[in-house]
Amino acid sequence: MSDDDYCLIDDAARPPKADGPPYAECVLCREPTEYPESYKGVTLCPVCEWQEAQRTACSG
């Protein structure tokens, strides 16, 4: 395994940014996100997205 095999972040899994309201609700706190309401999938607000990234970040 090379160093490139560790800590990969799949940007393709992120929903597209919305141009304006209506915004999708965060699945954790129900605050508005930056993503369109029409997106079908998991959406997180900027705060929860940052906290989730901290939880899943590599520690080594």
PDB file of N, CA and C in Angstrom:
ATOM      1  N   MET A   1       0.837  -1.189   0.000  1.00  0.00           N
ATOM      2  CA  MET A   1       0.000   0.000   0.000  1.00  0.00           C
ATOM      3  C   MET A   1       0.879   1.248   0.000  1.00  0.00           C
ATOM      4  N   SER A   2       0.457   2.225  -0.736  1.00  0.00           N
ATOM      5  CA  SER A   2       1.211   3.474  -0.767  1.00  0.00           C
ATOM      6  C   SER A   2       0.565   4.484   0.172  1.00  0.00           C
ATOM      7  N   ASP A   3       1.235   5.610   0.370  1.00  0.00           N
ATOM      8  CA  ASP A   3       0.695   6.674   1.221  1.00  0.00           C
ATOM      9  C   ASP A   3      -0.616   7.221   0.671  1.00  0.00           C
ATOM     10  N   ASP A   4      -0.837   7.069  -0.631  1.00  0.00           N
ATOM     11  CA  ASP A   4      -2.049   7.587  -1.254  1.00  0.00           C
ATOM     12  C   ASP A   4      -3.283   6.780  -0.871  1.00  0.00           C
ATOM     13  N   ASP A   5      -3.098   5.587  -0.290  1.00  0.00           N
ATOM     14  CA  ASP A   5      -4.222   4.732   0.070  1.00  0.00           C
ATOM     15  C   ASP A   5      -4.876   5.151   1.386  1.00  0.00           C
ATOM     16  N   TYR A   6      -4.260   6.020   2.134  1.00  0.00           N
ATOM     17  CA  TYR A   6      -4.766   6.411   3.440  1.00  0.00           C
ATOM     18  C   TYR A   6      -5.497   7.742   3.380  1.00  0.00           C
ATOM     19  N   CYS A   7      -6.508   7.873   4.192  1.00  0.00           N
ATOM     20  CA  CYS A   7      -7.198   9.150   4.415  1.00  0.00           C
ATOM     21  C   CYS A   7      -7.754   9.771   3.142  1.00  0.00           C
ATOM     22  N   LEU A   8      -8.332   8.969   2.306  1.00  0.00           N
ATOM     23  CA  LEU A   8      -8.904   9.503   1.084  1.00  0.00           C
ATOM     24  C   LEU A   8     -10.266  10.116   1.374  1.00  0.00           C
ATOM     25  N   ILE A   9     -10.523  11.257   0.806  1.00  0.00           N
ATOM     26  CA  ILE A   9     -11.805  11.930   0.945  1.00  0.00           C
ATOM     27  C   ILE A   9     -12.462  11.921  -0.414  1.00  0.00           C
ATOM     28  N   ASP A  10     -13.658  11.401  -0.474  1.00  0.00           N
ATOM     29  CA  ASP A  10     -14.371  11.275  -1.733  1.00  0.00           C
ATOM     30  C   ASP A  10     -15.240  12.511  -1.948  1.00  0.00           C
ATOM     31  N   ASP A  11     -14.711  13.501  -2.662  1.00  0.00           N
ATOM     32  CA  ASP A  11     -15.471  14.716  -2.935  1.00  0.00           C
ATOM     33  C   ASP A  11     -16.676  14.449  -3.824  1.00  0.00           C
ATOM     34  N   ALA A  12     -16.655  13.344  -4.560  1.00  0.00           N
ATOM     35  CA  ALA A  12     -17.776  13.026  -5.449  1.00  0.00           C
ATOM     36  C   ALA A  12     -19.042  12.721  -4.655  1.00  0.00           C
ATOM     37  N   ALA A  13     -18.907  12.343  -3.383  1.00  0.00           N
ATOM     38  CA  ALA A  13     -20.064  12.012  -2.566  1.00  0.00           C
ATOM     39  C   ALA A  13     -20.766  13.261  -2.029  1.00  0.00           C
ATOM     40  N   ARG A  14     -20.156  14.410  -2.166  1.00  0.00           N
ATOM     41  CA  ARG A  14     -20.746  15.642  -1.656  1.00  0.00           C
ATOM     42  C   ARG A  14     -21.800  16.165  -2.619  1.00  0.00           C
ATOM     43  N   PRO A  15     -22.930  16.623  -2.098  1.00  0.00           N
ATOM     44  CA  PRO A  15     -23.964  17.178  -2.976  1.00  0.00           C
ATOM     45  C   PRO A  15     -23.531  18.508  -3.566  1.00  0.00           C
ATOM     46  N   PRO A  16     -24.138  18.915  -4.668  1.00  0.00           N
ATOM     47  CA  PRO A  16     -23.785  20.204  -5.268  1.00  0.00           C
ATOM     48  C   PRO A  16     -24.280  21.364  -4.408  1.00  0.00           C
ATOM     49  N   LYS A  17     -23.545  22.471  -4.394  1.00  0.00           N
ATOM     50  CA  LYS A  17     -23.959  23.665  -3.649  1.00  0.00           C
ATOM     51  C   LYS A  17     -25.199  24.270  -4.308  1.00  0.00           C
ATOM     52  N   ALA A  18     -26.100  24.790  -3.485  1.00  0.00           N
ATOM     53  CA  ALA A  18     -27.324  25.410  -3.990  1.00  0.00           C
ATOM     54  C   ALA A  18     -27.048  26.845  -4.409  1.00  0.00           C
ATOM     55  N   ASP A  19     -27.756  27.307  -5.429  1.00  0.00           N
ATOM     56  CA  ASP A  19     -27.638  28.699  -5.868  1.00  0.00           C
ATOM     57  C   ASP A  19     -28.440  29.631  -4.972  1.00  0.00           C
ATOM     58  N   GLY A  20     -29.400  29.105  -4.255  1.00  0.00           N
ATOM     59  CA  GLY A  20     -30.241  29.911  -3.373  1.00  0.00           C
ATOM     60  C   GLY A  20     -31.296  29.036  -2.727  1.00  0.00           C
ATOM     61  N   PRO A  21     -32.161  29.640  -1.901  1.00  0.00           N
ATOM     62  CA  PRO A  21     -33.192  28.853  -1.216  1.00  0.00           C
ATOM     63  C   PRO A  21     -34.120  28.181  -2.209  1.00  0.00           C
ATOM     64  N   PRO A  22     -34.802  27.126  -1.841  1.00  0.00           N
ATOM     65  CA  PRO A  22     -34.815  26.492  -0.514  1.00  0.00           C
ATOM     66  C   PRO A  22     -33.602  25.577  -0.318  1.00  0.00           C
ATOM     67  N   TYR A  23     -33.135  25.518   0.919  1.00  0.00           N
ATOM     68  CA  TYR A  23     -31.983  24.701   1.264  1.00  0.00           C
ATOM     69  C   TYR A  23     -32.435  23.430   1.980  1.00  0.00           C
ATOM     70  N   ALA A  24     -31.664  22.356   1.811  1.00  0.00           N
ATOM     71  CA  ALA A  24     -31.937  21.110   2.522  1.00  0.00           C
ATOM     72  C   ALA A  24     -31.613  21.291   4.005  1.00  0.00           C
ATOM     73  N   GLU A  25     -32.288  20.520   4.863  1.00  0.00           N
ATOM     74  CA  GLU A  25     -32.003  20.559   6.294  1.00  0.00           C
ATOM     75  C   GLU A  25     -30.841  19.622   6.614  1.00  0.00           C
ATOM     76  N   CYS A  26     -30.060  19.989   7.609  1.00  0.00           N
ATOM     77  CA  CYS A  26     -28.996  19.129   8.117  1.00  0.00           C
ATOM     78  C   CYS A  26     -29.645  17.890   8.737  1.00  0.00           C
ATOM     79  N   VAL A  27     -29.111  16.711   8.448  1.00  0.00           N
ATOM     80  CA  VAL A  27     -29.690  15.484   8.988  1.00  0.00           C
ATOM     81  C   VAL A  27     -29.408  15.317  10.478  1.00  0.00           C
ATOM     82  N   LEU A  28     -28.477  16.083  11.021  1.00  0.00           N
ATOM     83  CA  LEU A  28     -28.153  15.971  12.438  1.00  0.00           C
ATOM     84  C   LEU A  28     -28.845  17.022  13.301  1.00  0.00           C
ATOM     85  N   CYS A  29     -28.820  18.286  12.876  1.00  0.00           N
ATOM     86  CA  CYS A  29     -29.345  19.361  13.733  1.00  0.00           C
ATOM     87  C   CYS A  29     -30.533  20.101  13.128  1.00  0.00           C
ATOM     88  N   ARG A  30     -30.895  19.799  11.889  1.00  0.00           N
ATOM     89  CA  ARG A  30     -32.037  20.402  11.187  1.00  0.00           C
ATOM     90  C   ARG A  30     -31.840  21.868  10.807  1.00  0.00           C
ATOM     91  N   GLU A  31     -30.604  22.372  10.905  1.00  0.00           N
ATOM     92  CA  GLU A  31     -30.307  23.733  10.437  1.00  0.00           C
ATOM     93  C   GLU A  31     -30.205  23.709   8.912  1.00  0.00           C
ATOM     94  N   PRO A  32     -30.383  24.859   8.252  1.00  0.00           N
ATOM     95  CA  PRO A  32     -30.230  24.890   6.795  1.00  0.00           C
ATOM     96  C   PRO A  32     -28.793  24.563   6.382  1.00  0.00           C
ATOM     97  N   THR A  33     -28.665  23.880   5.268  1.00  0.00           N
ATOM     98  CA  THR A  33     -27.341  23.552   4.737  1.00  0.00           C
ATOM     99  C   THR A  33     -27.051  24.458   3.551  1.00  0.00           C
ATOM    100  N   GLU A  34     -25.926  24.201   2.884  1.00  0.00           N
ATOM    101  CA  GLU A  34     -25.568  24.940   1.670  1.00  0.00           C
ATOM    102  C   GLU A  34     -26.051  24.205   0.430  1.00  0.00           C
ATOM    103  N   TYR A  35     -26.815  23.137   0.611  1.00  0.00           N
ATOM    104  CA  TYR A  35     -27.198  22.265  -0.479  1.00  0.00           C
ATOM    105  C   TYR A  35     -28.675  22.441  -0.850  1.00  0.00           C
ATOM    106  N   PRO A  36     -29.036  22.167  -2.099  1.00  0.00           N
ATOM    107  CA  PRO A  36     -30.415  22.348  -2.530  1.00  0.00           C
ATOM    108  C   PRO A  36     -31.359  21.362  -1.847  1.00  0.00           C
ATOM    109  N   GLU A  37     -32.580  21.814  -1.588  1.00  0.00           N
ATOM    110  CA  GLU A  37     -33.588  20.978  -0.956  1.00  0.00           C
ATOM    111  C   GLU A  37     -33.910  19.750  -1.809  1.00  0.00           C
ATOM    112  N   SER A  38     -33.717  19.873  -3.105  1.00  0.00           N
ATOM    113  CA  SER A  38     -34.043  18.783  -4.024  1.00  0.00           C
ATOM    114  C   SER A  38     -33.032  17.639  -3.969  1.00  0.00           C
ATOM    115  N   TYR A  39     -31.879  17.838  -3.303  1.00  0.00           N
ATOM    116  CA  TYR A  39     -30.856  16.789  -3.242  1.00  0.00           C
ATOM    117  C   TYR A  39     -31.364  15.616  -2.415  1.00  0.00           C
ATOM    118  N   LYS A  40     -31.285  14.425  -2.967  1.00  0.00           N
ATOM    119  CA  LYS A  40     -31.705  13.211  -2.266  1.00  0.00           C
ATOM    120  C   LYS A  40     -30.476  12.521  -1.705  1.00  0.00           C
ATOM    121  N   GLY A  41     -30.271  12.673  -0.425  1.00  0.00           N
ATOM    122  CA  GLY A  41     -29.118  12.059   0.214  1.00  0.00           C
ATOM    123  C   GLY A  41     -28.803  12.758   1.520  1.00  0.00           C
ATOM    124  N   VAL A  42     -27.731  12.373   2.158  1.00  0.00           N
ATOM    125  CA  VAL A  42     -27.321  12.933   3.436  1.00  0.00           C
ATOM    126  C   VAL A  42     -26.741  14.329   3.225  1.00  0.00           C
ATOM    127  N   THR A  43     -27.294  15.299   3.930  1.00  0.00           N
ATOM    128  CA  THR A  43     -26.769  16.668   3.877  1.00  0.00           C
ATOM    129  C   THR A  43     -26.461  17.141   5.293  1.00  0.00           C
ATOM    130  N   LEU A  44     -25.345  17.841   5.441  1.00  0.00           N
ATOM    131  CA  LEU A  44     -24.918  18.375   6.733  1.00  0.00           C
ATOM    132  C   LEU A  44     -24.716  19.875   6.616  1.00  0.00           C
ATOM    133  N   CYS A  45     -25.045  20.603   7.684  1.00  0.00           N
ATOM    134  CA  CYS A  45     -24.769  22.040   7.709  1.00  0.00           C
ATOM    135  C   CYS A  45     -23.259  22.221   7.862  1.00  0.00           C
ATOM    136  N   PRO A  46     -22.740  23.423   7.635  1.00  0.00           N
ATOM    137  CA  PRO A  46     -21.287  23.628   7.743  1.00  0.00           C
ATOM    138  C   PRO A  46     -20.715  23.227   9.104  1.00  0.00           C
ATOM    139  N   VAL A  47     -21.433  23.478  10.192  1.00  0.00           N
ATOM    140  CA  VAL A  47     -20.926  23.141  11.530  1.00  0.00           C
ATOM    141  C   VAL A  47     -20.840  21.632  11.710  1.00  0.00           C
ATOM    142  N   CYS A  48     -21.919  20.924  11.394  1.00  0.00           N
ATOM    143  CA  CYS A  48     -21.916  19.467  11.534  1.00  0.00           C
ATOM    144  C   CYS A  48     -20.944  18.815  10.549  1.00  0.00           C
ATOM    145  N   GLU A  49     -20.822  19.388   9.367  1.00  0.00           N
ATOM    146  CA  GLU A  49     -19.877  18.867   8.378  1.00  0.00           C
ATOM    147  C   GLU A  49     -18.446  18.971   8.909  1.00  0.00           C
ATOM    148  N   TRP A  50     -18.120  20.094   9.524  1.00  0.00           N
ATOM    149  CA  TRP A  50     -16.793  20.299  10.106  1.00  0.00           C
ATOM    150  C   TRP A  50     -16.568  19.330  11.265  1.00  0.00           C
ATOM    151  N   GLN A  51     -17.576  19.179  12.141  1.00  0.00           N
ATOM    152  CA  GLN A  51     -17.440  18.268  13.277  1.00  0.00           C
ATOM    153  C   GLN A  51     -17.276  16.826  12.812  1.00  0.00           C
ATOM    154  N   GLU A  52     -18.008  16.427  11.777  1.00  0.00           N
ATOM    155  CA  GLU A  52     -17.884  15.079  11.246  1.00  0.00           C
ATOM    156  C   GLU A  52     -16.497  14.869  10.645  1.00  0.00           C
ATOM    157  N   ALA A  53     -15.967  15.876   9.977  1.00  0.00           N
ATOM    158  CA  ALA A  53     -14.618  15.777   9.421  1.00  0.00           C
ATOM    159  C   ALA A  53     -13.583  15.627  10.531  1.00  0.00           C
ATOM    160  N   GLN A  54     -13.781  16.308  11.645  1.00  0.00           N
ATOM    161  CA  GLN A  54     -12.867  16.179  12.783  1.00  0.00           C
ATOM    162  C   GLN A  54     -12.916  14.775  13.362  1.00  0.00           C
ATOM    163  N   ARG A  55     -14.108  14.199  13.427  1.00  0.00           N
ATOM    164  CA  ARG A  55     -14.263  12.850  13.987  1.00  0.00           C
ATOM    165  C   ARG A  55     -13.625  11.786  13.094  1.00  0.00           C
ATOM    166  N   THR A  56     -13.675  11.999  11.795  1.00  0.00           N
ATOM    167  CA  THR A  56     -13.194  10.970  10.879  1.00  0.00           C
ATOM    168  C   THR A  56     -11.791  11.251  10.345  1.00  0.00           C
ATOM    169  N   ALA A  57     -11.170  12.339  10.780  1.00  0.00           N
ATOM    170  CA  ALA A  57      -9.835  12.691  10.303  1.00  0.00           C
ATOM    171  C   ALA A  57      -8.804  11.672  10.765  1.00  0.00           C
ATOM    172  N   CYS A  58      -7.766  11.531  10.002  1.00  0.00           N
ATOM    173  CA  CYS A  58      -6.676  10.628  10.365  1.00  0.00           C
ATOM    174  C   CYS A  58      -5.955  11.172  11.590  1.00  0.00           C
ATOM    175  N   SER A  59      -5.596  10.300  12.483  1.00  0.00           N
ATOM    176  CA  SER A  59      -4.929  10.741  13.703  1.00  0.00           C
ATOM    177  C   SER A  59      -3.434  10.462  13.665  1.00  0.00           C
ATOM    178  N   GLY A  60      -2.915  10.032  12.562  1.00  0.00           N
ATOM    179  CA  GLY A  60      -1.507   9.657  12.536  1.00  0.00           C
ATOM    180  C   GLY A  60      -0.775  10.428  11.554  1.00  0.00           C
TER     181      GLY A  60
END
